[in-house]
Amino acid sequence: MKLSVELTLYPLQDNYIDIIRACIEKIHSFEGLSINTFPTATIVVGDYDNVMKMLNDVIAWSYTEFGKCVFIAKFLPGYEAR
């Protein structure tokens, strides 16, 4: 099943732009995903398991690297957002 996720990150640190950029770069390191970044969100499309693994890894990585951050996600199963 395909899954589309709209993901928005709200870092709780002063250097929030750098943290957002680093997280977007981390998302782009995963293969097999279609990724489109906009000013307010990043949309990730791919196989359900691949998208969920990316989310799991990126959220854990961001906590290790930057501490607490707020992630807002909208999930659209069975839909390929463009």
PDB file of N, CA and C in Angstrom:
ATOM      1  N   MET A   1       0.844  -1.179   0.000  1.00  0.00           N
ATOM      2  CA  MET A   1       0.000   0.000   0.000  1.00  0.00           C
ATOM      3  C   MET A   1       0.891   1.245   0.000  1.00  0.00           C
ATOM      4  N   LYS A   2       0.502   2.218  -0.791  1.00  0.00           N
ATOM      5  CA  LYS A   2       1.195   3.509  -0.800  1.00  0.00           C
ATOM      6  C   LYS A   2       0.706   4.340   0.378  1.00  0.00           C
ATOM      7  N   LEU A   3       1.600   5.183   0.868  1.00  0.00           N
ATOM      8  CA  LEU A   3       1.268   6.085   1.964  1.00  0.00           C
ATOM      9  C   LEU A   3       1.865   7.447   1.666  1.00  0.00           C
ATOM     10  N   SER A   4       1.067   8.477   1.845  1.00  0.00           N
ATOM     11  CA  SER A   4       1.547   9.853   1.767  1.00  0.00           C
ATOM     12  C   SER A   4       1.482  10.453   3.165  1.00  0.00           C
ATOM     13  N   VAL A   5       2.556  11.138   3.532  1.00  0.00           N
ATOM     14  CA  VAL A   5       2.607  11.804   4.836  1.00  0.00           C
ATOM     15  C   VAL A   5       3.039  13.244   4.615  1.00  0.00           C
ATOM     16  N   GLU A   6       2.269  14.160   5.166  1.00  0.00           N
ATOM     17  CA  GLU A   6       2.659  15.568   5.200  1.00  0.00           C
ATOM     18  C   GLU A   6       3.260  15.802   6.577  1.00  0.00           C
ATOM     19  N   LEU A   7       4.516  16.197   6.618  1.00  0.00           N
ATOM     20  CA  LEU A   7       5.249  16.296   7.873  1.00  0.00           C
ATOM     21  C   LEU A   7       5.733  17.726   8.102  1.00  0.00           C
ATOM     22  N   THR A   8       5.442  18.249   9.272  1.00  0.00           N
ATOM     23  CA  THR A   8       5.892  19.582   9.667  1.00  0.00           C
ATOM     24  C   THR A   8       6.657  19.442  10.974  1.00  0.00           C
ATOM     25  N   LEU A   9       7.766  20.142  11.065  1.00  0.00           N
ATOM     26  CA  LEU A   9       8.631  20.080  12.244  1.00  0.00           C
ATOM     27  C   LEU A   9       8.685  21.444  12.911  1.00  0.00           C
ATOM     28  N   TYR A  10       8.514  21.450  14.224  1.00  0.00           N
ATOM     29  CA  TYR A  10       8.642  22.660  15.024  1.00  0.00           C
ATOM     30  C   TYR A  10       9.720  22.430  16.085  1.00  0.00           C
ATOM     31  N   PRO A  11      10.975  22.750  15.780  1.00  0.00           N
ATOM     32  CA  PRO A  11      12.031  22.618  16.792  1.00  0.00           C
ATOM     33  C   PRO A  11      11.772  23.579  17.956  1.00  0.00           C
ATOM     34  N   LEU A  12      12.193  23.186  19.123  1.00  0.00           N
ATOM     35  CA  LEU A  12      11.997  24.014  20.310  1.00  0.00           C
ATOM     36  C   LEU A  12      13.274  24.767  20.691  1.00  0.00           C
ATOM     37  N   GLN A  13      14.218  24.841  19.753  1.00  0.00           N
ATOM     38  CA  GLN A  13      15.486  25.506  19.987  1.00  0.00           C
ATOM     39  C   GLN A  13      15.568  26.785  19.149  1.00  0.00           C
ATOM     40  N   ASP A  14      16.462  27.668  19.520  1.00  0.00           N
ATOM     41  CA  ASP A  14      16.609  28.943  18.812  1.00  0.00           C
ATOM     42  C   ASP A  14      17.118  28.778  17.383  1.00  0.00           C
ATOM     43  N   ASN A  15      17.957  27.800  17.134  1.00  0.00           N
ATOM     44  CA  ASN A  15      18.525  27.600  15.792  1.00  0.00           C
ATOM     45  C   ASN A  15      17.617  26.696  14.954  1.00  0.00           C
ATOM     46  N   TYR A  16      16.333  26.991  14.952  1.00  0.00           N
ATOM     47  CA  TYR A  16      15.334  26.114  14.343  1.00  0.00           C
ATOM     48  C   TYR A  16      15.517  25.906  12.846  1.00  0.00           C
ATOM     49  N   ILE A  17      15.998  26.910  12.108  1.00  0.00           N
ATOM     50  CA  ILE A  17      16.189  26.762  10.658  1.00  0.00           C
ATOM     51  C   ILE A  17      17.229  25.672  10.379  1.00  0.00           C
ATOM     52  N   ASP A  18      18.328  25.675  11.102  1.00  0.00           N
ATOM     53  CA  ASP A  18      19.365  24.659  10.916  1.00  0.00           C
ATOM     54  C   ASP A  18      18.837  23.262  11.227  1.00  0.00           C
ATOM     55  N   ILE A  19      18.023  23.155  12.243  1.00  0.00           N
ATOM     56  CA  ILE A  19      17.459  21.856  12.627  1.00  0.00           C
ATOM     57  C   ILE A  19      16.490  21.363  11.555  1.00  0.00           C
ATOM     58  N   ILE A  20      15.652  22.240  11.052  1.00  0.00           N
ATOM     59  CA  ILE A  20      14.720  21.857   9.990  1.00  0.00           C
ATOM     60  C   ILE A  20      15.480  21.390   8.757  1.00  0.00           C
ATOM     61  N   ARG A  21      16.503  22.125   8.366  1.00  0.00           N
ATOM     62  CA  ARG A  21      17.304  21.739   7.199  1.00  0.00           C
ATOM     63  C   ARG A  21      17.969  20.376   7.409  1.00  0.00           C
ATOM     64  N   ALA A  22      18.502  20.139   8.593  1.00  0.00           N
ATOM     65  CA  ALA A  22      19.148  18.859   8.881  1.00  0.00           C
ATOM     66  C   ALA A  22      18.143  17.709   8.810  1.00  0.00           C
ATOM     67  N   CYS A  23      16.942  17.926   9.305  1.00  0.00           N
ATOM     68  CA  CYS A  23      15.919  16.875   9.260  1.00  0.00           C
ATOM     69  C   CYS A  23      15.477  16.601   7.823  1.00  0.00           C
ATOM     70  N   ILE A  24      15.358  17.638   7.017  1.00  0.00           N
ATOM     71  CA  ILE A  24      15.003  17.442   5.603  1.00  0.00           C
ATOM     72  C   ILE A  24      16.101  16.652   4.897  1.00  0.00           C
ATOM     73  N   GLU A  25      17.349  16.978   5.172  1.00  0.00           N
ATOM     74  CA  GLU A  25      18.464  16.218   4.597  1.00  0.00           C
ATOM     75  C   GLU A  25      18.413  14.757   5.033  1.00  0.00           C
ATOM     76  N   LYS A  26      18.095  14.524   6.294  1.00  0.00           N
ATOM     77  CA  LYS A  26      17.990  13.152   6.804  1.00  0.00           C
ATOM     78  C   LYS A  26      16.879  12.405   6.078  1.00  0.00           C
ATOM     79  N   ILE A  27      15.745  13.043   5.871  1.00  0.00           N
ATOM     80  CA  ILE A  27      14.635  12.409   5.145  1.00  0.00           C
ATOM     81  C   ILE A  27      15.079  12.029   3.735  1.00  0.00           C
ATOM     82  N   HIS A  28      15.837  12.905   3.091  1.00  0.00           N
ATOM     83  CA  HIS A  28      16.308  12.645   1.730  1.00  0.00           C
ATOM     84  C   HIS A  28      17.323  11.507   1.668  1.00  0.00           C
ATOM     85  N   SER A  29      17.871  11.083   2.784  1.00  0.00           N
ATOM     86  CA  SER A  29      18.851   9.997   2.779  1.00  0.00           C
ATOM     87  C   SER A  29      18.198   8.616   2.615  1.00  0.00           C
ATOM     88  N   PHE A  30      16.875   8.560   2.706  1.00  0.00           N
ATOM     89  CA  PHE A  30      16.160   7.288   2.569  1.00  0.00           C
ATOM     90  C   PHE A  30      15.814   7.050   1.105  1.00  0.00           C
ATOM     91  N   GLU A  31      16.073   5.837   0.645  1.00  0.00           N
ATOM     92  CA  GLU A  31      15.806   5.491  -0.745  1.00  0.00           C
ATOM     93  C   GLU A  31      14.371   4.992  -0.917  1.00  0.00           C
ATOM     94  N   GLY A  32      13.872   5.120  -2.148  1.00  0.00           N
ATOM     95  CA  GLY A  32      12.556   4.596  -2.476  1.00  0.00           C
ATOM     96  C   GLY A  32      11.397   5.474  -2.071  1.00  0.00           C
ATOM     97  N   LEU A  33      11.673   6.719  -1.714  1.00  0.00           N
ATOM     98  CA  LEU A  33      10.622   7.641  -1.312  1.00  0.00           C
ATOM     99  C   LEU A  33      10.594   8.832  -2.260  1.00  0.00           C
ATOM    100  N   SER A  34       9.403   9.334  -2.521  1.00  0.00           N
ATOM    101  CA  SER A  34       9.254  10.577  -3.265  1.00  0.00           C
ATOM    102  C   SER A  34       9.079  11.682  -2.229  1.00  0.00           C
ATOM    103  N   ILE A  35       9.932  12.709  -2.299  1.00  0.00           N
ATOM    104  CA  ILE A  35       9.951  13.749  -1.267  1.00  0.00           C
ATOM    105  C   ILE A  35       9.839  15.114  -1.919  1.00  0.00           C
ATOM    106  N   ASN A  36       8.865  15.892  -1.467  1.00  0.00           N
ATOM    107  CA  ASN A  36       8.683  17.269  -1.931  1.00  0.00           C
ATOM    108  C   ASN A  36       8.634  18.179  -0.713  1.00  0.00           C
ATOM    109  N   THR A  37       9.502  19.178  -0.696  1.00  0.00           N
ATOM    110  CA  THR A  37       9.553  20.100   0.430  1.00  0.00           C
ATOM    111  C   THR A  37       8.970  21.439   0.023  1.00  0.00           C
ATOM    112  N   PHE A  38       8.116  21.960   0.881  1.00  0.00           N
ATOM    113  CA  PHE A  38       7.466  23.249   0.694  1.00  0.00           C
ATOM    114  C   PHE A  38       7.818  24.137   1.887  1.00  0.00           C
ATOM    115  N   PRO A  39       7.496  25.413   1.858  1.00  0.00           N
ATOM    116  CA  PRO A  39       7.871  26.296   2.974  1.00  0.00           C
ATOM    117  C   PRO A  39       7.333  25.867   4.343  1.00  0.00           C
ATOM    118  N   THR A  40       6.201  25.182   4.374  1.00  0.00           N
ATOM    119  CA  THR A  40       5.598  24.840   5.663  1.00  0.00           C
ATOM    120  C   THR A  40       5.539  23.355   5.970  1.00  0.00           C
ATOM    121  N   ALA A  41       5.907  22.501   5.011  1.00  0.00           N
ATOM    122  CA  ALA A  41       5.808  21.058   5.236  1.00  0.00           C
ATOM    123  C   ALA A  41       6.627  20.306   4.193  1.00  0.00           C
ATOM    124  N   THR A  42       6.884  19.054   4.500  1.00  0.00           N
ATOM    125  CA  THR A  42       7.510  18.134   3.557  1.00  0.00           C
ATOM    126  C   THR A  42       6.542  16.985   3.343  1.00  0.00           C
ATOM    127  N   ILE A  43       6.315  16.637   2.084  1.00  0.00           N
ATOM    128  CA  ILE A  43       5.427  15.525   1.752  1.00  0.00           C
ATOM    129  C   ILE A  43       6.283  14.355   1.311  1.00  0.00           C
ATOM    130  N   VAL A  44       6.049  13.219   1.949  1.00  0.00           N
ATOM    131  CA  VAL A  44       6.789  11.995   1.656  1.00  0.00           C
ATOM    132  C   VAL A  44       5.786  10.950   1.170  1.00  0.00           C
ATOM    133  N   VAL A  45       6.107  10.322   0.030  1.00  0.00           N
ATOM    134  CA  VAL A  45       5.244   9.296  -0.545  1.00  0.00           C
ATOM    135  C   VAL A  45       6.084   8.056  -0.789  1.00  0.00           C
ATOM    136  N   GLY A  46       5.532   6.908  -0.446  1.00  0.00           N
ATOM    137  CA  GLY A  46       6.230   5.654  -0.704  1.00  0.00           C
ATOM    138  C   GLY A  46       5.449   4.480  -0.170  1.00  0.00           C
ATOM    139  N   ASP A  47       6.088   3.337  -0.220  1.00  0.00           N
ATOM    140  CA  ASP A  47       5.500   2.141   0.351  1.00  0.00           C
ATOM    141  C   ASP A  47       5.300   2.365   1.859  1.00  0.00           C
ATOM    142  N   TYR A  48       4.178   1.891   2.373  1.00  0.00           N
ATOM    143  CA  TYR A  48       3.810   2.114   3.767  1.00  0.00           C
ATOM    144  C   TYR A  48       4.965   1.797   4.728  1.00  0.00           C
ATOM    145  N   ASP A  49       5.547   0.611   4.588  1.00  0.00           N
ATOM    146  CA  ASP A  49       6.614   0.203   5.516  1.00  0.00           C
ATOM    147  C   ASP A  49       7.837   1.111   5.416  1.00  0.00           C
ATOM    148  N   ASN A  50       8.189   1.527   4.209  1.00  0.00           N
ATOM    149  CA  ASN A  50       9.343   2.413   4.031  1.00  0.00           C
ATOM    150  C   ASN A  50       9.103   3.785   4.649  1.00  0.00           C
ATOM    151  N   VAL A  51       7.915   4.323   4.462  1.00  0.00           N
ATOM    152  CA  VAL A  51       7.590   5.642   5.026  1.00  0.00           C
ATOM    153  C   VAL A  51       7.587   5.573   6.549  1.00  0.00           C
ATOM    154  N   MET A  52       6.990   4.531   7.105  1.00  0.00           N
ATOM    155  CA  MET A  52       6.928   4.415   8.560  1.00  0.00           C
ATOM    156  C   MET A  52       8.321   4.197   9.160  1.00  0.00           C
ATOM    157  N   LYS A  53       9.182   3.446   8.473  1.00  0.00           N
ATOM    158  CA  LYS A  53      10.560   3.267   8.951  1.00  0.00           C
ATOM    159  C   LYS A  53      11.295   4.598   8.942  1.00  0.00           C
ATOM    160  N   MET A  54      11.106   5.381   7.860  1.00  0.00           N
ATOM    161  CA  MET A  54      11.744   6.694   7.786  1.00  0.00           C
ATOM    162  C   MET A  54      11.278   7.561   8.949  1.00  0.00           C
ATOM    163  N   LEU A  55       9.984   7.595   9.200  1.00  0.00           N
ATOM    164  CA  LEU A  55       9.467   8.410  10.308  1.00  0.00           C
ATOM    165  C   LEU A  55      10.069   7.960  11.635  1.00  0.00           C
ATOM    166  N   ASN A  56      10.087   6.673  11.873  1.00  0.00           N
ATOM    167  CA  ASN A  56      10.647   6.132  13.108  1.00  0.00           C
ATOM    168  C   ASN A  56      12.108   6.546  13.269  1.00  0.00           C
ATOM    169  N   ASP A  57      12.883   6.371  12.218  1.00  0.00           N
ATOM    170  CA  ASP A  57      14.310   6.682  12.278  1.00  0.00           C
ATOM    171  C   ASP A  57      14.575   8.180  12.419  1.00  0.00           C
ATOM    172  N   VAL A  58      13.845   8.996  11.666  1.00  0.00           N
ATOM    173  CA  VAL A  58      14.073  10.450  11.696  1.00  0.00           C
ATOM    174  C   VAL A  58      13.669  11.039  13.046  1.00  0.00           C
ATOM    175  N   ILE A  59      12.564  10.595  13.604  1.00  0.00           N
ATOM    176  CA  ILE A  59      12.132  11.124  14.895  1.00  0.00           C
ATOM    177  C   ILE A  59      13.130  10.740  15.991  1.00  0.00           C
ATOM    178  N   ALA A  60      13.567   9.488  16.000  1.00  0.00           N
ATOM    179  CA  ALA A  60      14.560   9.053  17.001  1.00  0.00           C
ATOM    180  C   ALA A  60      15.877   9.803  16.816  1.00  0.00           C
ATOM    181  N   TRP A  61      16.319   9.929  15.563  1.00  0.00           N
ATOM    182  CA  TRP A  61      17.559  10.651  15.257  1.00  0.00           C
ATOM    183  C   TRP A  61      17.469  12.111  15.698  1.00  0.00           C
ATOM    184  N   SER A  62      16.341  12.768  15.420  1.00  0.00           N
ATOM    185  CA  SER A  62      16.204  14.187  15.771  1.00  0.00           C
ATOM    186  C   SER A  62      16.259  14.390  17.281  1.00  0.00           C
ATOM    187  N   TYR A  63      15.693  13.459  18.034  1.00  0.00           N
ATOM    188  CA  TYR A  63      15.743  13.583  19.492  1.00  0.00           C
ATOM    189  C   TYR A  63      17.185  13.437  19.986  1.00  0.00           C
ATOM    190  N   THR A  64      17.908  12.479  19.416  1.00  0.00           N
ATOM    191  CA  THR A  64      19.306  12.273  19.796  1.00  0.00           C
ATOM    192  C   THR A  64      20.161  13.495  19.448  1.00  0.00           C
ATOM    193  N   GLU A  65      19.931  14.066  18.276  1.00  0.00           N
ATOM    194  CA  GLU A  65      20.737  15.187  17.792  1.00  0.00           C
ATOM    195  C   GLU A  65      20.350  16.535  18.406  1.00  0.00           C
ATOM    196  N   PHE A  66      19.037  16.779  18.580  1.00  0.00           N
ATOM    197  CA  PHE A  66      18.565  18.124  18.911  1.00  0.00           C
ATOM    198  C   PHE A  66      17.692  18.212  20.159  1.00  0.00           C
ATOM    199  N   GLY A  67      17.338  17.105  20.744  1.00  0.00           N
ATOM    200  CA  GLY A  67      16.437  17.142  21.888  1.00  0.00           C
ATOM    201  C   GLY A  67      14.992  17.190  21.440  1.00  0.00           C
ATOM    202  N   LYS A  68      14.151  17.743  22.256  1.00  0.00           N
ATOM    203  CA  LYS A  68      12.717  17.745  21.982  1.00  0.00           C
ATOM    204  C   LYS A  68      12.368  18.626  20.784  1.00  0.00           C
ATOM    205  N   CYS A  69      11.548  18.070  19.906  1.00  0.00           N
ATOM    206  CA  CYS A  69      10.982  18.782  18.756  1.00  0.00           C
ATOM    207  C   CYS A  69       9.529  18.321  18.603  1.00  0.00           C
ATOM    208  N   VAL A  70       8.716  19.150  18.028  1.00  0.00           N
ATOM    209  CA  VAL A  70       7.329  18.791  17.763  1.00  0.00           C
ATOM    210  C   VAL A  70       7.195  18.422  16.293  1.00  0.00           C
ATOM    211  N   PHE A  71       6.640  17.238  16.027  1.00  0.00           N
ATOM    212  CA  PHE A  71       6.344  16.796  14.667  1.00  0.00           C
ATOM    213  C   PHE A  71       4.827  16.739  14.507  1.00  0.00           C
ATOM    214  N   ILE A  72       4.334  17.319  13.429  1.00  0.00           N
ATOM    215  CA  ILE A  72       2.928  17.224  13.075  1.00  0.00           C
ATOM    216  C   ILE A  72       2.863  16.438  11.773  1.00  0.00           C
ATOM    217  N   ALA A  73       2.045  15.385  11.744  1.00  0.00           N
ATOM    218  CA  ALA A  73       1.967  14.545  10.550  1.00  0.00           C
ATOM    219  C   ALA A  73       0.510  14.306  10.167  1.00  0.00           C
ATOM    220  N   LYS A  74       0.280  14.329   8.861  1.00  0.00           N
ATOM    221  CA  LYS A  74      -1.022  13.952   8.300  1.00  0.00           C
ATOM    222  C   LYS A  74      -0.774  12.732   7.427  1.00  0.00           C
ATOM    223  N   PHE A  75      -1.501  11.661   7.681  1.00  0.00           N
ATOM    224  CA  PHE A  75      -1.332  10.408   6.957  1.00  0.00           C
ATOM    225  C   PHE A  75      -2.475  10.208   5.978  1.00  0.00           C
ATOM    226  N   LEU A  76      -2.128   9.857   4.731  1.00  0.00           N
ATOM    227  CA  LEU A  76      -3.122   9.573   3.704  1.00  0.00           C
ATOM    228  C   LEU A  76      -2.825   8.197   3.110  1.00  0.00           C
ATOM    229  N   PRO A  77      -3.322   7.127   3.725  1.00  0.00           N
ATOM    230  CA  PRO A  77      -3.054   5.784   3.209  1.00  0.00           C
ATOM    231  C   PRO A  77      -3.727   5.580   1.843  1.00  0.00           C
ATOM    232  N   GLY A  78      -3.026   4.848   0.988  1.00  0.00           N
ATOM    233  CA  GLY A  78      -3.584   4.533  -0.325  1.00  0.00           C
ATOM    234  C   GLY A  78      -3.660   5.696  -1.282  1.00  0.00           C
ATOM    235  N   TYR A  79      -2.907   6.746  -1.027  1.00  0.00           N
ATOM    236  CA  TYR A  79      -2.969   7.953  -1.863  1.00  0.00           C
ATOM    237  C   TYR A  79      -1.553   8.411  -2.163  1.00  0.00           C
ATOM    238  N   GLU A  80      -1.306   8.768  -3.406  1.00  0.00           N
ATOM    239  CA  GLU A  80       0.000   9.293  -3.812  1.00  0.00           C
ATOM    240  C   GLU A  80      -0.095  10.792  -4.009  1.00  0.00           C
ATOM    241  N   ALA A  81       0.257  11.548  -3.003  1.00  0.00           N
ATOM    242  CA  ALA A  81       0.261  13.017  -3.117  1.00  0.00           C
ATOM    243  C   ALA A  81       1.355  13.417  -4.076  1.00  0.00           C
ATOM    244  N   ARG A  82       1.134  14.446  -4.816  1.00  0.00           N
ATOM    245  CA  ARG A  82       2.141  14.941  -5.783  1.00  0.00           C
ATOM    246  C   ARG A  82       2.541  16.339  -5.423  1.00  0.00           C
TER     247      ARG A  82
END
